[in-house]
N, C-alpha and C. Protein backbone atom coordinates (compact mmCIF):
# COMPACT_ATOMS: atom_id res chain seq x y z
N MET A 1 60.12 53.53 -16.02
CA MET A 1 58.80 53.41 -15.66
C MET A 1 58.14 52.51 -15.06
N PRO A 2 58.77 52.32 -13.71
CA PRO A 2 58.23 51.20 -12.93
C PRO A 2 56.68 51.26 -12.50
N ASP A 3 56.27 52.52 -12.47
CA ASP A 3 54.71 52.84 -11.99
C ASP A 3 53.93 53.12 -13.19
N ALA A 4 54.43 52.86 -14.45
CA ALA A 4 53.64 53.23 -15.58
C ALA A 4 52.47 52.17 -15.76
N SER A 5 51.38 52.62 -16.42
CA SER A 5 50.39 51.76 -16.97
C SER A 5 50.55 51.14 -18.25
N ILE A 6 49.65 50.08 -18.52
CA ILE A 6 49.93 49.42 -19.87
C ILE A 6 49.85 50.53 -20.88
N ALA A 7 48.74 51.35 -20.64
CA ALA A 7 48.69 52.60 -21.73
C ALA A 7 49.93 53.69 -21.90
N ASP A 8 50.60 53.79 -20.70
CA ASP A 8 51.74 54.48 -20.85
C ASP A 8 52.97 53.78 -21.46
N ALA A 9 52.85 52.49 -21.33
CA ALA A 9 53.92 51.75 -21.84
C ALA A 9 53.75 51.48 -23.41
N LEU A 10 52.65 51.53 -23.94
CA LEU A 10 52.30 51.53 -25.18
C LEU A 10 52.50 52.91 -25.90
N THR A 11 52.20 53.88 -25.17
CA THR A 11 52.56 55.22 -25.57
C THR A 11 53.91 55.60 -25.97
N PHE A 12 54.60 54.92 -24.99
CA PHE A 12 56.18 55.08 -24.78
C PHE A 12 56.73 54.19 -25.95
N LEU A 13 56.04 52.93 -26.28
CA LEU A 13 56.67 51.99 -27.49
C LEU A 13 56.25 52.88 -28.88
N SER A 14 55.14 53.50 -28.75
CA SER A 14 54.80 54.40 -30.05
C SER A 14 55.82 55.38 -30.32
N ARG A 15 56.16 56.39 -29.36
CA ARG A 15 57.16 57.13 -29.41
C ARG A 15 58.37 56.90 -30.00
N GLN A 16 58.77 55.41 -29.29
CA GLN A 16 59.94 55.08 -29.90
C GLN A 16 59.88 54.65 -31.36
N LEU A 17 58.86 53.94 -31.75
CA LEU A 17 58.73 53.46 -33.05
C LEU A 17 58.54 54.56 -34.16
N GLU A 18 57.98 55.74 -33.71
CA GLU A 18 57.76 57.07 -34.14
C GLU A 18 59.18 57.66 -34.81
N HIS A 19 59.94 57.53 -33.78
CA HIS A 19 61.39 58.02 -34.14
C HIS A 19 62.39 57.12 -34.72
N GLY A 20 62.12 55.76 -34.66
CA GLY A 20 63.11 54.74 -35.04
C GLY A 20 62.53 53.95 -36.16
N CYS A 21 61.32 53.86 -36.46
CA CYS A 21 60.80 52.99 -37.64
C CYS A 21 60.31 53.79 -38.91
N ARG A 22 61.22 54.03 -39.80
CA ARG A 22 60.81 54.93 -40.89
C ARG A 22 59.93 53.95 -41.74
N GLY A 23 59.24 54.69 -42.73
CA GLY A 23 58.38 54.22 -43.59
C GLY A 23 57.25 54.03 -43.12
N ALA A 24 56.19 53.56 -44.19
CA ALA A 24 54.69 53.55 -43.84
C ALA A 24 54.40 52.65 -42.79
N ILE A 25 54.99 51.71 -42.63
CA ILE A 25 54.69 50.68 -41.66
C ILE A 25 54.80 51.21 -40.23
N GLY A 26 55.91 52.10 -40.21
CA GLY A 26 56.25 52.61 -38.70
C GLY A 26 54.94 53.64 -38.35
N GLY A 27 54.45 54.42 -39.41
CA GLY A 27 53.28 55.32 -38.98
C GLY A 27 52.11 54.66 -38.79
N ILE A 28 51.87 53.37 -39.33
CA ILE A 28 50.66 52.46 -39.12
C ILE A 28 50.79 52.00 -37.78
N TYR A 29 51.99 51.32 -37.24
CA TYR A 29 52.17 50.99 -36.04
C TYR A 29 51.84 52.11 -34.91
N VAL A 30 52.36 53.21 -35.20
CA VAL A 30 52.20 54.32 -34.29
C VAL A 30 50.67 54.72 -33.91
N LEU A 31 49.90 54.78 -35.39
CA LEU A 31 48.56 55.02 -35.22
C LEU A 31 48.01 53.99 -34.24
N GLY A 32 48.15 52.56 -34.73
CA GLY A 32 47.51 51.51 -33.83
C GLY A 32 47.77 51.50 -32.50
N LEU A 33 49.10 51.72 -32.01
CA LEU A 33 49.61 51.55 -30.79
C LEU A 33 48.77 52.93 -29.96
N GLU A 34 48.95 53.98 -30.50
CA GLU A 34 48.21 55.21 -29.66
C GLU A 34 46.80 55.00 -29.54
N ALA A 35 46.23 54.53 -30.57
CA ALA A 35 44.60 54.15 -30.48
C ALA A 35 44.45 53.03 -29.40
N VAL A 36 45.19 52.02 -29.23
CA VAL A 36 45.11 50.92 -28.33
C VAL A 36 45.46 51.68 -26.98
N ALA A 37 46.40 52.62 -26.84
CA ALA A 37 46.75 53.13 -25.43
C ALA A 37 45.48 53.89 -25.21
N GLY A 38 45.03 54.74 -25.97
CA GLY A 38 43.78 55.60 -25.60
C GLY A 38 42.69 54.76 -25.28
N SER A 39 42.27 53.73 -25.80
CA SER A 39 41.33 52.81 -25.59
C SER A 39 41.42 52.26 -24.18
N LEU A 40 42.87 51.84 -23.69
CA LEU A 40 43.14 51.13 -22.36
C LEU A 40 43.25 51.84 -21.35
N ARG A 41 43.64 53.45 -21.60
CA ARG A 41 43.86 54.54 -20.68
C ARG A 41 42.59 54.39 -19.54
N GLU A 42 41.56 54.25 -19.89
CA GLU A 42 40.33 54.40 -18.91
C GLU A 42 40.03 53.16 -18.05
N CYS A 43 40.81 52.10 -18.42
CA CYS A 43 40.78 50.53 -17.88
C CYS A 43 41.16 50.77 -16.50
N PRO A 44 40.50 50.63 -15.43
CA PRO A 44 41.03 50.44 -14.17
C PRO A 44 41.74 49.07 -13.92
N GLY A 45 42.83 49.13 -13.42
CA GLY A 45 43.86 47.93 -13.27
C GLY A 45 44.01 47.07 -14.79
N GLU A 46 44.40 45.96 -14.50
CA GLU A 46 44.66 45.16 -15.79
C GLU A 46 43.53 44.99 -16.64
N PRO A 47 43.63 45.31 -17.96
CA PRO A 47 42.45 44.97 -19.04
C PRO A 47 42.22 43.57 -19.20
N SER A 48 40.64 43.72 -19.26
CA SER A 48 40.23 42.23 -19.70
C SER A 48 40.64 41.66 -21.13
N VAL A 49 40.26 40.56 -21.42
CA VAL A 49 40.36 40.07 -22.87
C VAL A 49 39.35 40.97 -23.70
N ALA A 50 38.29 41.06 -23.33
CA ALA A 50 37.22 41.94 -23.95
C ALA A 50 37.74 43.33 -24.32
N GLN A 51 38.39 43.98 -23.24
CA GLN A 51 38.83 45.39 -23.29
C GLN A 51 40.16 45.47 -24.34
N TRP A 52 40.93 44.42 -24.29
CA TRP A 52 41.84 44.18 -25.29
C TRP A 52 41.24 44.00 -26.65
N ALA A 53 40.51 43.28 -26.88
CA ALA A 53 39.55 43.32 -28.22
C ALA A 53 39.30 44.58 -28.53
N GLU A 54 38.47 45.35 -27.74
CA GLU A 54 37.98 46.53 -28.05
C GLU A 54 38.96 47.55 -28.47
N ALA A 55 40.00 47.51 -27.87
CA ALA A 55 41.38 48.35 -28.09
C ALA A 55 41.70 47.98 -29.53
N ALA A 56 42.03 46.68 -29.75
CA ALA A 56 42.43 46.31 -31.10
C ALA A 56 41.65 46.75 -32.13
N LEU A 57 40.19 46.68 -31.79
CA LEU A 57 39.28 47.26 -32.95
C LEU A 57 39.43 48.83 -33.15
N ALA A 58 39.74 49.53 -31.86
CA ALA A 58 39.95 50.95 -31.97
C ALA A 58 41.13 51.03 -32.80
N ALA A 59 42.25 50.12 -32.80
CA ALA A 59 43.42 50.53 -33.45
C ALA A 59 42.96 50.14 -35.18
N ALA A 60 42.37 49.55 -35.34
CA ALA A 60 41.59 49.07 -36.75
C ALA A 60 40.95 50.25 -37.32
N ARG A 61 40.13 50.81 -36.45
CA ARG A 61 39.22 51.85 -36.96
C ARG A 61 40.16 53.12 -37.36
N CYS A 62 41.16 53.35 -36.37
CA CYS A 62 42.11 54.42 -36.59
C CYS A 62 42.73 54.37 -37.89
N ILE A 63 43.50 53.05 -37.96
CA ILE A 63 44.32 52.79 -39.15
C ILE A 63 43.42 52.88 -40.54
N ALA A 64 42.20 52.46 -40.42
CA ALA A 64 41.28 52.49 -41.67
C ALA A 64 41.03 54.01 -41.83
N ARG A 65 40.57 54.81 -40.75
CA ARG A 65 40.38 56.05 -41.08
C ARG A 65 41.48 56.89 -41.50
N GLU A 66 42.56 56.81 -40.95
CA GLU A 66 43.68 57.86 -41.30
C GLU A 66 44.21 57.08 -42.85
N GLY A 67 44.46 55.95 -42.99
CA GLY A 67 45.13 55.21 -44.13
C GLY A 67 43.97 55.18 -45.22
N GLY A 68 42.64 55.25 -45.21
CA GLY A 68 41.80 54.99 -46.39
C GLY A 68 41.53 53.72 -46.61
N ALA A 69 42.15 52.52 -45.79
CA ALA A 69 42.18 51.18 -46.15
C ALA A 69 40.87 50.65 -45.28
N ASN A 70 40.43 49.52 -45.92
CA ASN A 70 39.26 48.41 -45.40
C ASN A 70 39.86 47.26 -45.59
N VAL A 71 39.39 46.15 -44.89
CA VAL A 71 39.31 44.94 -44.66
C VAL A 71 39.22 44.67 -46.35
N GLY A 72 40.01 43.65 -46.85
CA GLY A 72 39.93 43.33 -48.14
C GLY A 72 40.76 43.77 -49.28
N ASP A 73 41.34 45.21 -48.60
CA ASP A 73 42.41 45.86 -49.32
C ASP A 73 43.64 45.30 -49.42
N ARG A 74 44.08 44.11 -48.83
CA ARG A 74 45.34 43.73 -48.90
C ARG A 74 46.25 44.63 -48.00
N THR A 75 46.00 44.77 -46.88
CA THR A 75 46.61 45.52 -45.90
C THR A 75 46.78 44.71 -44.49
N LEU A 76 47.50 45.38 -43.46
CA LEU A 76 47.45 44.74 -42.18
C LEU A 76 46.32 44.67 -41.74
N LEU A 77 45.12 45.47 -41.98
CA LEU A 77 43.74 45.20 -41.60
C LEU A 77 43.15 44.04 -41.80
N ASP A 78 43.85 43.28 -42.64
CA ASP A 78 43.10 42.02 -43.02
C ASP A 78 43.56 40.94 -41.95
N ALA A 79 44.63 41.22 -41.24
CA ALA A 79 45.09 40.33 -40.27
C ALA A 79 44.68 40.82 -38.84
N LEU A 80 44.68 42.09 -38.71
CA LEU A 80 44.36 42.81 -37.40
C LEU A 80 42.97 42.73 -37.08
N VAL A 81 41.96 42.89 -38.14
CA VAL A 81 40.61 42.75 -37.70
C VAL A 81 40.31 41.34 -37.15
N PRO A 82 40.63 40.31 -38.00
CA PRO A 82 40.08 39.20 -37.72
C PRO A 82 40.72 38.63 -36.37
N ALA A 83 41.91 39.16 -35.76
CA ALA A 83 42.44 38.87 -34.66
C ALA A 83 41.74 39.49 -33.48
N ALA A 84 41.43 40.77 -33.87
CA ALA A 84 40.61 41.44 -32.79
C ALA A 84 38.99 40.75 -32.61
N ASP A 85 38.51 40.43 -34.04
CA ASP A 85 37.29 39.84 -33.57
C ASP A 85 37.38 38.29 -32.97
N ALA A 86 38.57 37.49 -33.32
CA ALA A 86 38.62 36.28 -32.44
C ALA A 86 38.74 36.73 -30.97
N LEU A 87 39.39 37.77 -30.54
CA LEU A 87 39.74 38.07 -29.27
C LEU A 87 38.33 38.00 -28.60
N GLN A 88 37.63 39.12 -29.25
CA GLN A 88 36.30 39.22 -28.82
C GLN A 88 35.34 37.99 -28.80
N GLU A 89 35.29 37.17 -29.84
CA GLU A 89 34.54 36.00 -29.70
C GLU A 89 34.91 34.86 -28.86
N ASN A 90 36.35 34.95 -28.25
CA ASN A 90 36.68 34.01 -27.36
C ASN A 90 37.01 34.47 -26.06
N ALA A 91 36.62 35.72 -25.61
CA ALA A 91 37.10 36.37 -24.44
C ALA A 91 36.64 35.66 -23.29
N SER A 92 35.41 34.93 -23.34
CA SER A 92 34.84 34.12 -22.51
C SER A 92 35.58 32.78 -22.24
N GLN A 93 36.24 32.30 -23.11
CA GLN A 93 37.15 31.11 -22.92
C GLN A 93 38.70 31.46 -22.15
N GLY A 94 38.72 32.65 -21.74
CA GLY A 94 39.91 32.76 -20.99
C GLY A 94 41.07 33.56 -21.88
N ALA A 95 41.97 34.13 -21.30
CA ALA A 95 42.92 34.88 -22.13
C ALA A 95 43.89 33.93 -22.97
N ALA A 96 44.28 32.89 -22.57
CA ALA A 96 45.05 31.99 -23.13
C ALA A 96 44.44 31.25 -24.42
N LYS A 97 43.32 31.11 -24.38
CA LYS A 97 42.39 30.52 -25.45
C LYS A 97 42.15 31.60 -26.54
N ALA A 98 41.81 32.79 -25.90
CA ALA A 98 41.41 33.81 -26.84
C ALA A 98 42.64 34.53 -27.66
N PHE A 99 43.75 34.66 -26.92
CA PHE A 99 44.97 35.09 -27.61
C PHE A 99 45.63 34.12 -28.62
N LYS A 100 45.46 32.71 -28.49
CA LYS A 100 45.71 31.73 -29.21
C LYS A 100 44.89 32.03 -30.50
N ALA A 101 43.47 31.86 -30.12
CA ALA A 101 42.50 32.35 -31.49
C ALA A 101 42.87 33.35 -32.16
N ALA A 102 43.32 34.59 -31.42
CA ALA A 102 43.65 35.84 -32.11
C ALA A 102 44.87 35.56 -33.02
N VAL A 103 46.02 34.84 -32.72
CA VAL A 103 46.97 34.61 -33.38
C VAL A 103 46.54 33.77 -34.67
N ALA A 104 45.76 32.82 -34.47
CA ALA A 104 45.34 31.90 -35.56
C ALA A 104 44.66 32.59 -36.67
N ALA A 105 43.74 33.52 -36.23
CA ALA A 105 42.91 34.30 -37.03
C ALA A 105 43.68 35.54 -37.76
N ALA A 106 44.79 35.90 -37.34
CA ALA A 106 45.79 36.83 -37.87
C ALA A 106 46.61 36.18 -39.00
N LYS A 107 46.89 34.96 -38.59
CA LYS A 107 47.84 34.10 -39.68
C LYS A 107 47.01 33.96 -40.80
N GLN A 108 45.72 33.34 -40.64
CA GLN A 108 44.79 33.12 -41.71
C GLN A 108 44.31 34.40 -42.49
N GLY A 109 44.21 35.38 -41.79
CA GLY A 109 43.95 36.66 -42.67
C GLY A 109 45.04 37.04 -43.43
N ALA A 110 46.17 36.93 -42.97
CA ALA A 110 47.45 37.21 -43.55
C ALA A 110 47.65 36.29 -44.83
N LYS A 111 47.42 35.09 -44.57
CA LYS A 111 47.59 34.19 -45.84
C LYS A 111 46.43 34.61 -46.66
N ASP A 112 45.20 35.08 -46.31
CA ASP A 112 44.17 35.21 -47.18
C ASP A 112 44.51 36.50 -48.17
N THR A 113 45.40 37.33 -47.85
CA THR A 113 45.68 38.40 -48.75
C THR A 113 46.47 38.00 -50.04
N GLN A 114 47.06 36.83 -50.03
CA GLN A 114 47.68 36.23 -51.35
C GLN A 114 46.81 36.20 -52.34
N ARG A 115 45.35 36.05 -52.10
CA ARG A 115 44.17 36.16 -53.00
C ARG A 115 43.58 37.47 -53.38
N MET A 116 44.32 38.57 -52.76
CA MET A 116 43.55 39.78 -52.64
C MET A 116 44.35 40.71 -53.70
N VAL A 117 43.80 41.66 -54.54
CA VAL A 117 44.29 42.79 -55.00
C VAL A 117 44.36 43.95 -54.15
N ALA A 118 45.70 44.46 -54.26
CA ALA A 118 45.93 45.62 -53.22
C ALA A 118 45.26 46.58 -53.91
N LYS A 119 44.62 47.35 -52.84
CA LYS A 119 43.81 48.63 -53.22
C LYS A 119 44.70 49.86 -52.56
N LYS A 120 45.49 49.58 -51.62
CA LYS A 120 46.27 50.62 -50.99
C LYS A 120 47.69 50.35 -50.75
N GLY A 121 48.52 51.25 -50.66
CA GLY A 121 49.91 51.23 -50.39
C GLY A 121 50.77 50.94 -51.66
N ARG A 122 51.93 50.51 -51.32
CA ARG A 122 52.82 50.44 -52.66
C ARG A 122 52.43 49.38 -53.47
N ALA A 123 51.97 48.39 -52.83
CA ALA A 123 51.78 46.92 -53.53
C ALA A 123 50.57 47.28 -54.67
N ARG A 124 49.83 48.20 -54.45
CA ARG A 124 48.65 48.55 -55.64
C ARG A 124 49.57 48.90 -56.89
N HIS A 125 50.88 49.07 -56.88
CA HIS A 125 51.32 49.68 -58.06
C HIS A 125 52.02 48.17 -58.76
N SER A 126 51.96 47.17 -58.23
CA SER A 126 52.49 45.77 -58.59
C SER A 126 51.61 45.22 -59.52
N PRO A 127 51.96 44.25 -60.44
CA PRO A 127 50.92 43.80 -61.27
C PRO A 127 50.39 42.61 -60.39
N ARG A 128 48.86 42.22 -60.85
CA ARG A 128 48.36 41.52 -60.03
C ARG A 128 49.13 40.15 -60.03
N TRP A 129 49.64 39.61 -61.01
CA TRP A 129 50.26 38.24 -61.06
C TRP A 129 51.45 38.33 -59.98
N LYS A 130 52.13 39.58 -59.81
CA LYS A 130 53.17 39.49 -58.96
C LYS A 130 52.48 39.44 -57.32
N GLN A 131 51.24 40.17 -57.26
CA GLN A 131 50.80 40.20 -55.82
C GLN A 131 50.44 38.81 -55.42
N SER A 132 49.85 37.97 -56.30
CA SER A 132 49.51 36.77 -55.84
C SER A 132 50.56 35.85 -55.41
N GLN A 133 51.86 36.04 -55.74
CA GLN A 133 52.98 35.44 -55.31
C GLN A 133 53.14 35.20 -53.84
N ASN A 134 52.77 36.20 -53.27
CA ASN A 134 52.93 36.36 -51.64
C ASN A 134 51.75 37.19 -51.15
N ALA A 135 51.84 36.86 -49.93
CA ALA A 135 50.93 37.50 -48.80
C ALA A 135 51.36 38.82 -48.61
N ASP A 136 50.32 39.80 -48.27
CA ASP A 136 50.73 41.15 -47.83
C ASP A 136 51.88 41.18 -46.82
N PRO A 137 53.01 41.82 -46.90
CA PRO A 137 53.79 41.95 -45.86
C PRO A 137 53.49 42.52 -44.70
N GLY A 138 52.79 43.73 -44.60
CA GLY A 138 52.16 44.18 -43.64
C GLY A 138 51.47 43.07 -42.77
N ALA A 139 50.36 42.52 -43.23
CA ALA A 139 49.64 41.59 -42.85
C ALA A 139 50.40 40.50 -42.12
N VAL A 140 51.18 39.98 -42.93
CA VAL A 140 52.32 38.97 -42.41
C VAL A 140 53.00 39.35 -41.07
N GLY A 141 53.59 40.48 -41.30
CA GLY A 141 54.45 41.10 -40.13
C GLY A 141 53.44 41.44 -38.97
N PHE A 142 52.13 41.74 -39.09
CA PHE A 142 51.44 41.82 -37.83
C PHE A 142 51.35 40.60 -37.07
N ALA A 143 50.88 39.51 -38.00
CA ALA A 143 50.53 38.08 -37.47
C ALA A 143 51.89 37.61 -36.90
N LYS A 144 52.96 37.81 -37.39
CA LYS A 144 54.17 37.15 -36.61
C LYS A 144 54.48 38.17 -35.37
N TRP A 145 54.19 39.45 -35.36
CA TRP A 145 54.20 40.20 -34.01
C TRP A 145 53.33 39.88 -33.17
N LEU A 146 52.26 39.65 -33.46
CA LEU A 146 51.04 38.98 -32.52
C LEU A 146 51.47 37.72 -31.92
N GLU A 147 52.08 36.60 -32.62
CA GLU A 147 52.34 35.64 -32.32
C GLU A 147 53.67 35.53 -31.42
N ALA A 148 54.45 36.47 -31.64
CA ALA A 148 55.62 36.76 -30.60
C ALA A 148 55.35 37.26 -29.38
N VAL A 149 54.10 38.14 -29.38
CA VAL A 149 53.41 38.81 -28.13
C VAL A 149 52.81 37.67 -27.32
N GLU A 150 52.00 36.90 -28.14
CA GLU A 150 51.19 35.70 -27.27
C GLU A 150 52.22 34.86 -26.86
N LYS A 151 53.29 34.37 -27.62
CA LYS A 151 54.43 33.40 -26.97
C LYS A 151 54.89 34.21 -25.75
N ALA A 152 55.46 35.29 -25.99
CA ALA A 152 56.10 35.84 -24.57
C ALA A 152 55.14 36.04 -23.53
N LEU A 153 53.73 36.28 -23.64
CA LEU A 153 52.89 36.31 -22.60
C LEU A 153 51.98 35.09 -22.08
N ARG A 154 52.46 33.97 -22.90
CA ARG A 154 51.85 32.67 -22.50
C ARG A 154 51.80 32.21 -21.15
N PRO A 155 52.98 32.36 -20.63
CA PRO A 155 53.08 31.81 -19.04
C PRO A 155 51.99 32.68 -18.17
N GLN A 156 51.97 33.92 -18.50
CA GLN A 156 51.08 34.81 -17.62
C GLN A 156 49.44 34.60 -18.21
N LEU A 157 49.41 34.07 -19.50
CA LEU A 157 47.83 34.06 -19.75
C LEU A 157 47.25 33.00 -19.26
N SER A 158 47.83 31.88 -18.95
CA SER A 158 47.29 30.41 -18.33
C SER A 158 46.75 30.39 -17.03
């Protein structure tokens, strides 16, 4: 894919996950990646931080719509939405600071799920006392994924 756009690469990744990552989280990531790809497809050249933020919010809207979840339901959205908001709020500070803020917001959002009661997903079947022992795995996974992406891109973001 040497001449592929960022949107093409995200679509390719989505297809790989669709076929190789079973379970609910695979489908959630596929929805999110497809929404990001669709949002960025119209960007001429390299997307700005603000365009990445809007694409992340498009992913959150898609995941919420298709899954019926909202922020506060103890899901991946509790990390994704704060990360997208932080990207948007810090876009004027440059990519490095904006993505660092997004990672911090995702981590905090994931941590906050430990105090939430699951309203969606398999965790809603677990007793509240058990839910309070750990943060939501989907939110934690997203925060760790975003942190890894930020770390990998750090040299290009500065």
